Amino acid sequence: QVQLVESGGGLVQAGGSLRVSCAAATPGFRINEMAWYRQVPGKEREWVAEIIRNGSTDYAAFVRGRFTVSRDDAKTTMYLQMNGLEPEDTAIYFCNRARSGNFWYRWGQGARVTVSS
C-alpha cells in the first residue's frame, strides 16, 4: 500500500507563510491526483485543496486566494504553499486521495502547522 510522507510546516506568526510537502515513500508512485487535508485534534479532518491529473487545482473557500497547491514535474512531490496564515489555520496537514479517488492511501504522520496571533 502506498505510504505518504508529509514534511515542512512549523510555527509562524499570523500573516506569515509556510510550505508543506507530500511525497510517496513507495518507489515508482506518481502523484497524478492528490489532495491536502487538515485536522485539529478533536475535530473532523477537512479537505483543503487538491490537484488533479491535468494540473487543475481546487480549494476550499476558507483558503482560496491564500494557499496554492502544486507538484513537481516528476510528479513525485506535492506542495502546499500557505500565505497569509491565520491562527485558524493551525492544524496537522495531511495528503491523501483527491475527492474523486476510489480509495484512501495509508495516512502519514502529517505536518504540524501552528500560527500564533
N, C-alpha and C. Protein backbone atom coordinates (compact mmCIF):
# COMPACT_ATOMS: atom_id res chain seq x y z
N GLN A 1 0.85 -1.18 0.00
CA GLN A 1 0.00 0.00 0.00
C GLN A 1 0.89 1.24 0.00
N VAL A 2 0.45 2.27 -0.71
CA VAL A 2 1.23 3.49 -0.81
C VAL A 2 1.30 4.18 0.54
N GLN A 3 2.51 4.57 0.93
CA GLN A 3 2.72 5.32 2.16
C GLN A 3 3.11 6.74 1.81
N LEU A 4 2.38 7.68 2.35
CA LEU A 4 2.63 9.10 2.07
C LEU A 4 3.38 9.72 3.24
N VAL A 5 4.27 10.64 2.93
CA VAL A 5 5.10 11.29 3.94
C VAL A 5 4.96 12.80 3.78
N GLU A 6 4.44 13.44 4.80
CA GLU A 6 4.35 14.89 4.81
C GLU A 6 5.55 15.48 5.54
N SER A 7 5.96 16.66 5.11
CA SER A 7 7.07 17.34 5.76
C SER A 7 6.87 18.85 5.65
N GLY A 8 7.69 19.57 6.37
CA GLY A 8 7.58 21.02 6.39
C GLY A 8 6.70 21.46 7.54
N GLY A 9 6.07 22.59 7.40
CA GLY A 9 5.27 23.13 8.49
C GLY A 9 6.14 23.83 9.50
N GLY A 10 5.56 24.07 10.68
CA GLY A 10 6.31 24.75 11.73
C GLY A 10 5.46 25.79 12.42
N LEU A 11 6.15 26.73 13.04
CA LEU A 11 5.49 27.79 13.80
C LEU A 11 5.72 29.12 13.10
N VAL A 12 4.67 29.89 12.93
CA VAL A 12 4.77 31.17 12.25
C VAL A 12 3.76 32.13 12.86
N GLN A 13 4.04 33.41 12.77
CA GLN A 13 3.09 34.41 13.24
C GLN A 13 2.00 34.64 12.20
N ALA A 14 0.88 35.13 12.66
CA ALA A 14 -0.23 35.43 11.75
C ALA A 14 0.25 36.36 10.64
N GLY A 15 -0.18 36.05 9.44
CA GLY A 15 0.25 36.80 8.27
C GLY A 15 1.46 36.23 7.58
N GLY A 16 2.11 35.28 8.19
CA GLY A 16 3.31 34.68 7.63
C GLY A 16 3.00 33.58 6.63
N SER A 17 4.07 32.93 6.18
CA SER A 17 3.96 31.90 5.15
C SER A 17 4.71 30.64 5.57
N LEU A 18 4.21 29.52 5.10
CA LEU A 18 4.87 28.22 5.29
C LEU A 18 4.57 27.37 4.07
N ARG A 19 5.39 26.34 3.89
CA ARG A 19 5.14 25.37 2.83
C ARG A 19 5.24 23.97 3.41
N VAL A 20 4.29 23.14 3.05
CA VAL A 20 4.34 21.73 3.40
C VAL A 20 4.46 20.90 2.13
N SER A 21 5.08 19.75 2.27
CA SER A 21 5.34 18.88 1.13
C SER A 21 4.77 17.49 1.39
N CYS A 22 4.48 16.80 0.31
CA CYS A 22 3.95 15.44 0.39
C CYS A 22 4.69 14.60 -0.64
N ALA A 23 5.26 13.51 -0.20
CA ALA A 23 5.95 12.60 -1.10
C ALA A 23 5.53 11.17 -0.77
N ALA A 24 5.62 10.32 -1.75
CA ALA A 24 5.30 8.91 -1.54
C ALA A 24 6.57 8.15 -1.21
N ALA A 25 6.49 7.35 -0.15
CA ALA A 25 7.64 6.53 0.21
C ALA A 25 7.71 5.27 -0.65
N THR A 26 6.73 5.10 -1.51
CA THR A 26 6.67 3.93 -2.36
C THR A 26 7.33 4.23 -3.69
N PRO A 27 8.41 3.55 -4.04
CA PRO A 27 9.12 3.81 -5.31
C PRO A 27 8.20 3.64 -6.51
N GLY A 28 8.30 4.56 -7.44
CA GLY A 28 7.54 4.47 -8.67
C GLY A 28 6.17 5.08 -8.61
N PHE A 29 5.71 5.47 -7.42
CA PHE A 29 4.38 6.06 -7.32
C PHE A 29 4.40 7.47 -7.87
N ARG A 30 3.41 7.83 -8.63
CA ARG A 30 3.30 9.16 -9.20
C ARG A 30 2.07 9.86 -8.66
N ILE A 31 2.26 11.12 -8.29
CA ILE A 31 1.16 11.92 -7.75
C ILE A 31 0.40 12.53 -8.92
N ASN A 32 -0.58 11.82 -9.42
CA ASN A 32 -1.41 12.33 -10.50
C ASN A 32 -2.57 13.15 -9.96
N GLU A 33 -3.24 12.65 -8.96
CA GLU A 33 -4.34 13.35 -8.32
C GLU A 33 -4.20 13.16 -6.82
N MET A 34 -4.13 14.26 -6.10
CA MET A 34 -3.90 14.19 -4.67
C MET A 34 -4.47 15.44 -4.01
N ALA A 35 -4.82 15.30 -2.75
CA ALA A 35 -5.41 16.41 -2.03
C ALA A 35 -4.69 16.65 -0.71
N TRP A 36 -4.86 17.84 -0.20
CA TRP A 36 -4.43 18.20 1.15
C TRP A 36 -5.65 18.25 2.05
N TYR A 37 -5.46 17.73 3.26
CA TYR A 37 -6.47 17.77 4.30
C TYR A 37 -5.82 18.36 5.55
N ARG A 38 -6.64 18.78 6.50
CA ARG A 38 -6.08 19.23 7.77
C ARG A 38 -7.02 18.81 8.89
N GLN A 39 -6.42 18.68 10.05
CA GLN A 39 -7.20 18.25 11.20
C GLN A 39 -6.70 18.92 12.47
N VAL A 40 -7.63 19.45 13.20
CA VAL A 40 -7.36 19.97 14.54
C VAL A 40 -7.75 18.87 15.52
N PRO A 41 -6.90 18.56 16.46
CA PRO A 41 -7.24 17.50 17.43
C PRO A 41 -8.62 17.69 18.02
N GLY A 42 -9.41 16.62 17.96
CA GLY A 42 -10.76 16.67 18.50
C GLY A 42 -11.81 17.08 17.49
N LYS A 43 -11.37 17.44 16.28
CA LYS A 43 -12.30 17.84 15.24
C LYS A 43 -12.16 16.94 14.03
N GLU A 44 -13.14 17.01 13.13
CA GLU A 44 -13.12 16.22 11.92
C GLU A 44 -12.01 16.70 10.97
N ARG A 45 -11.45 15.77 10.24
CA ARG A 45 -10.49 16.13 9.20
C ARG A 45 -11.24 16.81 8.07
N GLU A 46 -10.68 17.86 7.50
CA GLU A 46 -11.36 18.60 6.44
C GLU A 46 -10.48 18.73 5.20
N TRP A 47 -11.14 18.72 4.07
CA TRP A 47 -10.47 18.88 2.79
C TRP A 47 -10.05 20.33 2.61
N VAL A 48 -8.82 20.52 2.10
CA VAL A 48 -8.27 21.87 1.96
C VAL A 48 -8.09 22.26 0.49
N ALA A 49 -7.45 21.38 -0.27
CA ALA A 49 -7.14 21.71 -1.66
C ALA A 49 -6.73 20.44 -2.38
N GLU A 50 -6.74 20.49 -3.71
CA GLU A 50 -6.30 19.33 -4.46
C GLU A 50 -5.81 19.71 -5.84
N ILE A 51 -5.03 18.81 -6.40
CA ILE A 51 -4.55 18.94 -7.77
C ILE A 51 -4.93 17.66 -8.49
N ILE A 52 -5.39 17.81 -9.72
CA ILE A 52 -5.82 16.63 -10.45
C ILE A 52 -4.91 16.38 -11.66
N ARG A 53 -5.23 15.36 -12.42
CA ARG A 53 -4.33 14.82 -13.43
C ARG A 53 -3.85 15.88 -14.42
N ASN A 54 -4.76 16.74 -14.86
CA ASN A 54 -4.37 17.72 -15.88
C ASN A 54 -3.73 18.97 -15.28
N GLY A 55 -3.52 18.94 -14.00
CA GLY A 55 -2.90 20.07 -13.32
C GLY A 55 -3.86 21.08 -12.75
N SER A 56 -5.13 20.89 -12.98
CA SER A 56 -6.12 21.81 -12.41
C SER A 56 -6.12 21.69 -10.89
N THR A 57 -6.46 22.77 -10.26
CA THR A 57 -6.47 22.81 -8.80
C THR A 57 -7.82 23.32 -8.29
N ASP A 58 -8.12 22.98 -7.07
CA ASP A 58 -9.34 23.46 -6.44
C ASP A 58 -9.06 23.67 -4.96
N TYR A 59 -9.79 24.59 -4.36
CA TYR A 59 -9.53 24.98 -2.99
C TYR A 59 -10.82 25.12 -2.19
N ALA A 60 -10.70 24.83 -0.90
CA ALA A 60 -11.80 25.14 0.00
C ALA A 60 -11.92 26.65 0.11
N ALA A 61 -13.13 27.12 0.33
CA ALA A 61 -13.36 28.56 0.36
C ALA A 61 -12.50 29.26 1.41
N PHE A 62 -12.24 28.57 2.51
CA PHE A 62 -11.53 29.23 3.60
C PHE A 62 -10.04 29.39 3.35
N VAL A 63 -9.50 28.83 2.28
CA VAL A 63 -8.08 29.02 1.94
C VAL A 63 -7.88 29.62 0.56
N ARG A 64 -8.95 29.72 -0.22
CA ARG A 64 -8.82 30.20 -1.59
C ARG A 64 -8.24 31.62 -1.60
N GLY A 65 -7.24 31.81 -2.44
CA GLY A 65 -6.58 33.10 -2.53
C GLY A 65 -5.38 33.22 -1.61
N ARG A 66 -5.24 32.30 -0.67
CA ARG A 66 -4.11 32.34 0.27
C ARG A 66 -3.18 31.14 0.09
N PHE A 67 -3.74 29.99 -0.23
CA PHE A 67 -2.96 28.76 -0.38
C PHE A 67 -2.85 28.40 -1.85
N THR A 68 -1.73 27.74 -2.21
CA THR A 68 -1.52 27.27 -3.56
C THR A 68 -0.99 25.84 -3.52
N VAL A 69 -1.65 24.96 -4.24
CA VAL A 69 -1.21 23.57 -4.33
C VAL A 69 -0.49 23.38 -5.66
N SER A 70 0.59 22.62 -5.64
CA SER A 70 1.35 22.36 -6.86
C SER A 70 2.06 21.03 -6.72
N ARG A 71 2.68 20.58 -7.79
CA ARG A 71 3.51 19.37 -7.74
C ARG A 71 4.69 19.57 -8.67
N ASP A 72 5.73 18.77 -8.43
CA ASP A 72 6.90 18.89 -9.30
C ASP A 72 6.66 18.19 -10.63
N ASP A 73 7.52 18.46 -11.60
CA ASP A 73 7.32 17.92 -12.95
C ASP A 73 7.39 16.39 -12.96
N ALA A 74 8.15 15.83 -12.06
CA ALA A 74 8.27 14.37 -11.99
C ALA A 74 7.08 13.73 -11.30
N LYS A 75 6.21 14.53 -10.74
CA LYS A 75 5.02 14.06 -10.02
C LYS A 75 5.37 13.15 -8.85
N THR A 76 6.47 13.49 -8.19
CA THR A 76 6.84 12.70 -7.02
C THR A 76 6.56 13.45 -5.73
N THR A 77 6.38 14.74 -5.82
CA THR A 77 6.15 15.55 -4.64
C THR A 77 5.06 16.58 -4.90
N MET A 78 4.19 16.75 -3.92
CA MET A 78 3.15 17.78 -3.99
C MET A 78 3.42 18.80 -2.89
N TYR A 79 3.09 20.02 -3.16
CA TYR A 79 3.35 21.10 -2.21
C TYR A 79 2.06 21.85 -1.88
N LEU A 80 2.08 22.47 -0.73
CA LEU A 80 1.03 23.41 -0.36
C LEU A 80 1.72 24.66 0.18
N GLN A 81 1.71 25.70 -0.62
CA GLN A 81 2.26 26.99 -0.20
C GLN A 81 1.15 27.74 0.51
N MET A 82 1.42 28.13 1.74
CA MET A 82 0.41 28.79 2.56
C MET A 82 0.87 30.20 2.89
N ASN A 83 0.15 31.17 2.38
CA ASN A 83 0.45 32.58 2.64
C ASN A 83 -0.69 33.20 3.44
N GLY A 84 -0.43 34.31 4.06
CA GLY A 84 -1.47 34.97 4.83
C GLY A 84 -2.07 34.08 5.90
N LEU A 85 -1.21 33.34 6.58
CA LEU A 85 -1.71 32.37 7.55
C LEU A 85 -2.42 33.05 8.71
N GLU A 86 -3.46 32.37 9.17
CA GLU A 86 -4.28 32.86 10.27
C GLU A 86 -4.24 31.84 11.40
N PRO A 87 -4.47 32.26 12.64
CA PRO A 87 -4.48 31.29 13.74
C PRO A 87 -5.44 30.12 13.49
N GLU A 88 -6.51 30.37 12.75
CA GLU A 88 -7.48 29.31 12.44
C GLU A 88 -6.91 28.24 11.51
N ASP A 89 -5.76 28.53 10.90
CA ASP A 89 -5.11 27.54 10.03
C ASP A 89 -4.26 26.56 10.82
N THR A 90 -4.14 26.76 12.11
CA THR A 90 -3.38 25.85 12.95
C THR A 90 -4.01 24.47 12.91
N ALA A 91 -3.22 23.47 12.50
CA ALA A 91 -3.73 22.11 12.33
C ALA A 91 -2.57 21.21 11.93
N ILE A 92 -2.87 19.94 11.84
CA ILE A 92 -1.94 18.99 11.23
C ILE A 92 -2.40 18.79 9.79
N TYR A 93 -1.50 18.93 8.85
CA TYR A 93 -1.82 18.84 7.44
C TYR A 93 -1.38 17.49 6.89
N PHE A 94 -2.30 16.85 6.17
CA PHE A 94 -2.09 15.53 5.59
C PHE A 94 -2.34 15.57 4.09
N CYS A 95 -1.72 14.65 3.37
CA CYS A 95 -2.07 14.47 1.97
C CYS A 95 -2.68 13.08 1.80
N ASN A 96 -3.59 12.98 0.86
CA ASN A 96 -4.24 11.72 0.56
C ASN A 96 -5.02 11.88 -0.74
N ARG A 97 -5.87 10.95 -1.05
CA ARG A 97 -6.54 10.92 -2.34
C ARG A 97 -7.32 12.21 -2.61
N ALA A 98 -7.48 12.53 -3.89
CA ALA A 98 -8.37 13.60 -4.29
C ALA A 98 -9.81 13.16 -4.06
N ARG A 99 -10.72 14.12 -4.09
CA ARG A 99 -12.12 13.80 -3.81
C ARG A 99 -12.70 12.77 -4.79
N SER A 100 -12.17 12.71 -5.99
CA SER A 100 -12.67 11.76 -6.99
C SER A 100 -12.02 10.40 -6.87
N GLY A 101 -11.07 10.25 -5.96
CA GLY A 101 -10.37 8.98 -5.81
C GLY A 101 -11.27 7.87 -5.31
N ASN A 102 -10.87 6.65 -5.63
CA ASN A 102 -11.70 5.49 -5.28
C ASN A 102 -11.33 4.88 -3.94
N PHE A 103 -10.13 5.12 -3.47
CA PHE A 103 -9.72 4.52 -2.22
C PHE A 103 -8.71 5.43 -1.53
N TRP A 104 -8.63 5.27 -0.21
CA TRP A 104 -7.71 6.05 0.59
C TRP A 104 -6.34 5.37 0.61
N TYR A 105 -5.29 6.22 0.60
CA TYR A 105 -3.96 5.70 0.85
C TYR A 105 -3.74 5.63 2.36
N ARG A 106 -2.66 4.99 2.75
CA ARG A 106 -2.33 4.94 4.16
C ARG A 106 -1.97 6.36 4.62
N TRP A 107 -2.56 6.82 5.69
CA TRP A 107 -2.30 8.16 6.18
C TRP A 107 -0.90 8.27 6.74
N GLY A 108 -0.23 9.38 6.43
CA GLY A 108 1.07 9.65 7.01
C GLY A 108 0.93 10.30 8.38
N GLN A 109 2.04 10.76 8.89
CA GLN A 109 2.03 11.36 10.23
C GLN A 109 1.59 12.81 10.20
N GLY A 110 1.56 13.40 9.00
CA GLY A 110 1.13 14.78 8.87
C GLY A 110 2.24 15.76 9.17
N ALA A 111 1.97 17.00 8.82
CA ALA A 111 2.91 18.10 9.09
C ALA A 111 2.18 19.12 9.96
N ARG A 112 2.75 19.42 11.08
CA ARG A 112 2.08 20.33 12.03
C ARG A 112 2.36 21.78 11.66
N VAL A 113 1.29 22.54 11.58
CA VAL A 113 1.36 23.97 11.31
C VAL A 113 0.73 24.70 12.49
N THR A 114 1.50 25.62 13.07
CA THR A 114 0.99 26.40 14.19
C THR A 114 1.13 27.88 13.85
N VAL A 115 0.03 28.60 13.93
CA VAL A 115 0.03 30.02 13.62
C VAL A 115 -0.34 30.79 14.89
N SER A 116 0.57 31.63 15.33
CA SER A 116 0.34 32.40 16.55
C SER A 116 -0.27 33.76 16.20
N SER A 117 -1.05 34.26 17.10
CA SER A 117 -1.72 35.55 16.85
C SER A 117 -0.86 36.72 17.35
